Amino acid sequence: QVQLVESGGGLVQPGGSLRLSCAASGFTFIMYGMAWYRQAPGKQRELVAGIKSGGSTSYADSVKGRFTISRDNAKNTVYLQMNSLKPEDTAVYYCNANFLTRGYWGQGTQVTVSS
């Protein structure tokens, strides 16, 4: 059974940091590209950051220089380090695993940036 379990969300003040984790199971993690998406209220889900099976990364312009995606293949886990958080980063963050035509989603974790 495929599972993607996100953790690490919460309430943080503007300028603060959070690290999200996504623990994967039920598929061959090392073969999959991994990504973080987010969805704010009333908005479409958007791609935040991605990391390929080989380790190359990509970021949305809005988070470049502030967020870092990484993966630990030994732990079947992908991370999203978020620094210099802004109120507009408030959203539910979702972990995604993708390989060819296959795609899996986690249940999401809430990130709220507010003073």
N, C-alpha and C. Protein backbone atom coordinates (compact mmCIF):
# COMPACT_ATOMS: atom_id res chain seq x y z
N GLN A 1 0.84 -1.19 0.00
CA GLN A 1 0.00 0.00 0.00
C GLN A 1 0.88 1.25 0.00
N VAL A 2 0.63 2.12 -0.97
CA VAL A 2 1.40 3.35 -1.08
C VAL A 2 0.97 4.33 0.00
N GLN A 3 1.95 4.92 0.66
CA GLN A 3 1.67 5.95 1.65
C GLN A 3 2.69 7.07 1.52
N LEU A 4 2.19 8.29 1.59
CA LEU A 4 3.02 9.49 1.71
C LEU A 4 2.49 10.24 2.92
N VAL A 5 3.31 10.37 3.94
CA VAL A 5 2.87 10.97 5.18
C VAL A 5 3.69 12.23 5.45
N GLU A 6 3.02 13.37 5.35
CA GLU A 6 3.69 14.66 5.60
C GLU A 6 3.65 15.00 7.08
N SER A 7 4.64 15.74 7.51
CA SER A 7 4.69 16.26 8.87
C SER A 7 5.53 17.53 8.87
N GLY A 8 5.43 18.27 9.98
CA GLY A 8 6.27 19.44 10.15
C GLY A 8 5.57 20.78 9.94
N GLY A 9 4.31 20.74 9.54
CA GLY A 9 3.59 21.99 9.37
C GLY A 9 3.25 22.63 10.70
N GLY A 10 2.73 23.84 10.63
CA GLY A 10 2.34 24.53 11.85
C GLY A 10 2.22 26.01 11.63
N LEU A 11 2.15 26.73 12.75
CA LEU A 11 2.04 28.18 12.74
C LEU A 11 3.42 28.79 13.00
N VAL A 12 3.80 29.74 12.17
CA VAL A 12 5.10 30.38 12.31
C VAL A 12 4.96 31.85 11.99
N GLN A 13 5.77 32.68 12.62
CA GLN A 13 5.74 34.11 12.35
C GLN A 13 6.45 34.43 11.04
N PRO A 14 6.09 35.53 10.42
CA PRO A 14 6.82 35.95 9.21
C PRO A 14 8.31 36.06 9.49
N GLY A 15 9.09 35.57 8.54
CA GLY A 15 10.53 35.53 8.70
C GLY A 15 11.05 34.25 9.34
N GLY A 16 10.15 33.44 9.84
CA GLY A 16 10.54 32.20 10.49
C GLY A 16 10.81 31.06 9.51
N SER A 17 11.08 29.90 10.09
CA SER A 17 11.43 28.72 9.29
C SER A 17 10.62 27.50 9.74
N LEU A 18 10.42 26.61 8.80
CA LEU A 18 9.84 25.30 9.07
C LEU A 18 10.50 24.29 8.16
N ARG A 19 10.53 23.04 8.61
CA ARG A 19 10.99 21.96 7.74
C ARG A 19 9.89 20.92 7.65
N LEU A 20 9.42 20.71 6.44
CA LEU A 20 8.43 19.67 6.19
C LEU A 20 9.14 18.37 5.83
N SER A 21 8.53 17.28 6.25
CA SER A 21 9.03 15.94 5.90
C SER A 21 7.91 15.15 5.25
N CYS A 22 8.29 14.25 4.38
CA CYS A 22 7.32 13.35 3.74
C CYS A 22 7.94 11.96 3.72
N ALA A 23 7.37 11.07 4.52
CA ALA A 23 7.85 9.70 4.61
C ALA A 23 7.06 8.83 3.63
N ALA A 24 7.78 8.14 2.77
CA ALA A 24 7.14 7.36 1.72
C ALA A 24 7.29 5.86 1.98
N SER A 25 6.30 5.12 1.55
CA SER A 25 6.36 3.66 1.64
C SER A 25 5.44 3.05 0.59
N GLY A 26 5.71 1.79 0.27
CA GLY A 26 4.83 1.08 -0.65
C GLY A 26 5.22 1.17 -2.12
N PHE A 27 6.33 1.82 -2.42
CA PHE A 27 6.82 1.89 -3.79
C PHE A 27 8.34 2.09 -3.76
N THR A 28 8.96 1.95 -4.92
CA THR A 28 10.41 2.04 -5.00
C THR A 28 10.82 3.51 -5.04
N PHE A 29 11.04 4.06 -3.88
CA PHE A 29 11.24 5.50 -3.69
C PHE A 29 12.34 6.05 -4.59
N ILE A 30 13.45 5.34 -4.69
CA ILE A 30 14.61 5.86 -5.40
C ILE A 30 14.32 6.09 -6.89
N MET A 31 13.34 5.44 -7.43
CA MET A 31 13.01 5.58 -8.84
C MET A 31 12.11 6.78 -9.13
N TYR A 32 11.50 7.34 -8.10
CA TYR A 32 10.48 8.35 -8.28
C TYR A 32 11.03 9.76 -8.13
N GLY A 33 10.52 10.65 -8.96
CA GLY A 33 10.68 12.06 -8.69
C GLY A 33 9.75 12.44 -7.55
N MET A 34 10.17 13.38 -6.74
CA MET A 34 9.38 13.83 -5.61
C MET A 34 9.16 15.34 -5.71
N ALA A 35 8.05 15.78 -5.19
CA ALA A 35 7.74 17.20 -5.29
C ALA A 35 6.88 17.65 -4.12
N TRP A 36 6.91 18.94 -3.89
CA TRP A 36 6.01 19.58 -2.94
C TRP A 36 5.12 20.54 -3.72
N TYR A 37 3.84 20.45 -3.46
CA TYR A 37 2.86 21.37 -3.98
C TYR A 37 2.20 22.08 -2.80
N ARG A 38 1.50 23.16 -3.10
CA ARG A 38 0.72 23.83 -2.06
C ARG A 38 -0.56 24.36 -2.65
N GLN A 39 -1.54 24.48 -1.77
CA GLN A 39 -2.83 25.04 -2.18
C GLN A 39 -3.34 25.96 -1.10
N ALA A 40 -3.48 27.22 -1.46
CA ALA A 40 -4.03 28.22 -0.55
C ALA A 40 -5.54 28.28 -0.76
N PRO A 41 -6.28 28.77 0.24
CA PRO A 41 -7.74 28.85 0.12
C PRO A 41 -8.15 29.65 -1.11
N GLY A 42 -9.04 29.07 -1.91
CA GLY A 42 -9.54 29.76 -3.09
C GLY A 42 -8.60 29.79 -4.28
N LYS A 43 -7.47 29.08 -4.16
CA LYS A 43 -6.49 29.08 -5.25
C LYS A 43 -6.24 27.66 -5.73
N GLN A 44 -5.67 27.57 -6.93
CA GLN A 44 -5.32 26.26 -7.46
C GLN A 44 -4.05 25.72 -6.80
N ARG A 45 -3.94 24.42 -6.81
CA ARG A 45 -2.73 23.79 -6.30
C ARG A 45 -1.56 24.15 -7.23
N GLU A 46 -0.43 24.51 -6.63
CA GLU A 46 0.72 24.91 -7.43
C GLU A 46 1.97 24.15 -7.01
N LEU A 47 2.86 23.94 -7.98
CA LEU A 47 4.11 23.28 -7.72
C LEU A 47 5.06 24.23 -7.01
N VAL A 48 5.63 23.79 -5.91
CA VAL A 48 6.55 24.60 -5.13
C VAL A 48 8.00 24.23 -5.46
N ALA A 49 8.29 22.93 -5.40
CA ALA A 49 9.65 22.46 -5.63
C ALA A 49 9.62 20.99 -6.02
N GLY A 50 10.60 20.59 -6.82
CA GLY A 50 10.69 19.20 -7.24
C GLY A 50 12.12 18.71 -7.19
N ILE A 51 12.28 17.42 -7.00
CA ILE A 51 13.60 16.81 -7.01
C ILE A 51 13.50 15.48 -7.76
N LYS A 52 14.33 15.32 -8.78
CA LYS A 52 14.29 14.12 -9.59
C LYS A 52 15.00 12.97 -8.88
N SER A 53 14.84 11.79 -9.44
CA SER A 53 15.48 10.62 -8.83
C SER A 53 17.00 10.77 -8.79
N GLY A 54 17.53 11.51 -9.75
CA GLY A 54 18.97 11.73 -9.79
C GLY A 54 19.44 12.86 -8.91
N GLY A 55 18.49 13.61 -8.33
CA GLY A 55 18.86 14.65 -7.38
C GLY A 55 18.76 16.07 -7.89
N SER A 56 18.50 16.28 -9.17
CA SER A 56 18.38 17.65 -9.66
C SER A 56 17.09 18.27 -9.13
N THR A 57 17.15 19.55 -8.87
CA THR A 57 16.03 20.25 -8.22
C THR A 57 15.51 21.40 -9.07
N SER A 58 14.28 21.78 -8.79
CA SER A 58 13.68 22.93 -9.44
C SER A 58 12.73 23.59 -8.46
N TYR A 59 12.51 24.90 -8.66
CA TYR A 59 11.71 25.68 -7.71
C TYR A 59 10.80 26.66 -8.44
N ALA A 60 9.67 26.93 -7.82
CA ALA A 60 8.83 28.03 -8.28
C ALA A 60 9.57 29.34 -8.02
N ASP A 61 9.36 30.31 -8.88
CA ASP A 61 10.06 31.59 -8.72
C ASP A 61 9.77 32.22 -7.37
N SER A 62 8.58 32.01 -6.86
CA SER A 62 8.17 32.65 -5.62
C SER A 62 8.91 32.14 -4.39
N VAL A 63 9.57 30.99 -4.51
CA VAL A 63 10.25 30.42 -3.34
C VAL A 63 11.76 30.28 -3.55
N LYS A 64 12.24 30.60 -4.73
CA LYS A 64 13.68 30.47 -5.01
C LYS A 64 14.49 31.28 -4.03
N GLY A 65 15.54 30.66 -3.49
CA GLY A 65 16.40 31.33 -2.54
C GLY A 65 15.91 31.25 -1.10
N ARG A 66 14.67 30.78 -0.93
CA ARG A 66 14.13 30.67 0.43
C ARG A 66 13.85 29.21 0.82
N PHE A 67 13.43 28.42 -0.14
CA PHE A 67 13.07 27.02 0.13
C PHE A 67 14.13 26.09 -0.47
N THR A 68 14.34 24.96 0.18
CA THR A 68 15.26 23.94 -0.32
C THR A 68 14.62 22.57 -0.21
N ILE A 69 14.56 21.87 -1.32
CA ILE A 69 14.05 20.50 -1.33
C ILE A 69 15.23 19.54 -1.31
N SER A 70 15.08 18.45 -0.57
CA SER A 70 16.12 17.44 -0.53
C SER A 70 15.48 16.08 -0.31
N ARG A 71 16.24 15.04 -0.53
CA ARG A 71 15.72 13.69 -0.33
C ARG A 71 16.79 12.82 0.32
N ASP A 72 16.32 11.88 1.13
CA ASP A 72 17.19 10.89 1.75
C ASP A 72 16.68 9.53 1.30
N ASN A 73 17.34 8.96 0.31
CA ASN A 73 16.87 7.70 -0.25
C ASN A 73 16.98 6.54 0.73
N ALA A 74 17.89 6.64 1.68
CA ALA A 74 18.03 5.59 2.69
C ALA A 74 16.83 5.57 3.64
N LYS A 75 16.22 6.74 3.82
CA LYS A 75 15.08 6.86 4.72
C LYS A 75 13.74 6.98 3.98
N ASN A 76 13.79 6.92 2.66
CA ASN A 76 12.56 7.08 1.85
C ASN A 76 11.80 8.35 2.25
N THR A 77 12.53 9.42 2.38
CA THR A 77 11.95 10.67 2.88
C THR A 77 12.40 11.84 2.02
N VAL A 78 11.47 12.75 1.79
CA VAL A 78 11.79 14.00 1.10
C VAL A 78 11.47 15.14 2.07
N TYR A 79 12.27 16.18 1.99
CA TYR A 79 12.15 17.32 2.90
C TYR A 79 11.93 18.61 2.13
N LEU A 80 11.35 19.57 2.81
CA LEU A 80 11.27 20.92 2.28
C LEU A 80 11.64 21.87 3.41
N GLN A 81 12.83 22.44 3.31
CA GLN A 81 13.27 23.45 4.27
C GLN A 81 12.77 24.80 3.80
N MET A 82 11.99 25.46 4.63
CA MET A 82 11.38 26.74 4.27
C MET A 82 11.90 27.82 5.20
N ASN A 83 12.61 28.78 4.64
CA ASN A 83 13.16 29.90 5.41
C ASN A 83 12.52 31.21 4.95
N SER A 84 12.69 32.22 5.77
CA SER A 84 12.17 33.56 5.44
C SER A 84 10.71 33.49 5.01
N LEU A 85 9.93 32.80 5.78
CA LEU A 85 8.53 32.58 5.40
C LEU A 85 7.75 33.88 5.40
N LYS A 86 6.80 33.93 4.45
CA LYS A 86 5.96 35.10 4.27
C LYS A 86 4.50 34.69 4.46
N PRO A 87 3.64 35.65 4.78
CA PRO A 87 2.21 35.31 4.91
C PRO A 87 1.65 34.64 3.66
N GLU A 88 2.14 35.02 2.50
CA GLU A 88 1.64 34.42 1.26
C GLU A 88 2.09 32.98 1.05
N ASP A 89 2.94 32.47 1.94
CA ASP A 89 3.30 31.05 1.89
C ASP A 89 2.27 30.19 2.62
N THR A 90 1.30 30.81 3.26
CA THR A 90 0.26 30.08 3.97
C THR A 90 -0.53 29.22 3.00
N ALA A 91 -0.60 27.92 3.29
CA ALA A 91 -1.28 26.98 2.41
C ALA A 91 -1.22 25.59 3.03
N VAL A 92 -1.94 24.67 2.43
CA VAL A 92 -1.75 23.25 2.72
C VAL A 92 -0.68 22.76 1.76
N TYR A 93 0.33 22.12 2.31
CA TYR A 93 1.44 21.62 1.51
C TYR A 93 1.30 20.11 1.32
N TYR A 94 1.42 19.70 0.07
CA TYR A 94 1.23 18.29 -0.29
C TYR A 94 2.52 17.71 -0.88
N CYS A 95 2.79 16.50 -0.49
CA CYS A 95 3.90 15.74 -1.04
C CYS A 95 3.39 14.94 -2.24
N ASN A 96 4.21 14.87 -3.27
CA ASN A 96 3.85 14.14 -4.49
C ASN A 96 5.00 13.25 -4.92
N ALA A 97 4.66 12.04 -5.35
CA ALA A 97 5.64 11.13 -5.94
C ALA A 97 5.22 10.86 -7.38
N ASN A 98 6.17 10.91 -8.31
CA ASN A 98 5.81 10.73 -9.70
C ASN A 98 6.84 9.90 -10.45
N PHE A 99 6.35 9.03 -11.31
CA PHE A 99 7.20 8.18 -12.15
C PHE A 99 6.41 7.78 -13.38
N LEU A 100 6.85 8.24 -14.53
CA LEU A 100 6.15 8.01 -15.80
C LEU A 100 4.70 8.45 -15.62
N THR A 101 3.76 7.55 -15.74
CA THR A 101 2.34 7.94 -15.63
C THR A 101 1.78 7.75 -14.23
N ARG A 102 2.61 7.33 -13.30
CA ARG A 102 2.13 7.09 -11.94
C ARG A 102 2.34 8.32 -11.08
N GLY A 103 1.38 8.57 -10.22
CA GLY A 103 1.51 9.69 -9.30
C GLY A 103 0.77 9.40 -8.01
N TYR A 104 1.37 9.78 -6.90
CA TYR A 104 0.77 9.56 -5.59
C TYR A 104 0.82 10.87 -4.81
N TRP A 105 -0.16 11.03 -3.91
CA TRP A 105 -0.26 12.25 -3.10
C TRP A 105 -0.37 11.91 -1.62
N GLY A 106 0.19 12.79 -0.80
CA GLY A 106 -0.03 12.71 0.62
C GLY A 106 -1.30 13.44 1.00
N GLN A 107 -1.59 13.44 2.28
CA GLN A 107 -2.85 14.04 2.76
C GLN A 107 -2.72 15.53 3.01
N GLY A 108 -1.51 16.04 3.03
CA GLY A 108 -1.28 17.47 3.21
C GLY A 108 -1.00 17.85 4.65
N THR A 109 -0.25 18.93 4.79
CA THR A 109 0.03 19.49 6.11
C THR A 109 -0.12 21.01 6.03
N GLN A 110 -0.76 21.59 7.02
CA GLN A 110 -1.07 23.02 7.00
C GLN A 110 0.14 23.83 7.45
N VAL A 111 0.46 24.85 6.69
CA VAL A 111 1.47 25.83 7.07
C VAL A 111 0.79 27.19 7.13
N THR A 112 0.88 27.84 8.27
CA THR A 112 0.28 29.16 8.45
C THR A 112 1.37 30.13 8.89
N VAL A 113 1.52 31.19 8.13
CA VAL A 113 2.52 32.21 8.44
C VAL A 113 1.76 33.47 8.85
N SER A 114 1.86 33.80 10.12
CA SER A 114 1.08 34.92 10.65
C SER A 114 1.71 35.43 11.94
N SER A 115 1.56 36.72 12.15
CA SER A 115 2.03 37.29 13.41
C SER A 115 0.91 37.35 14.43
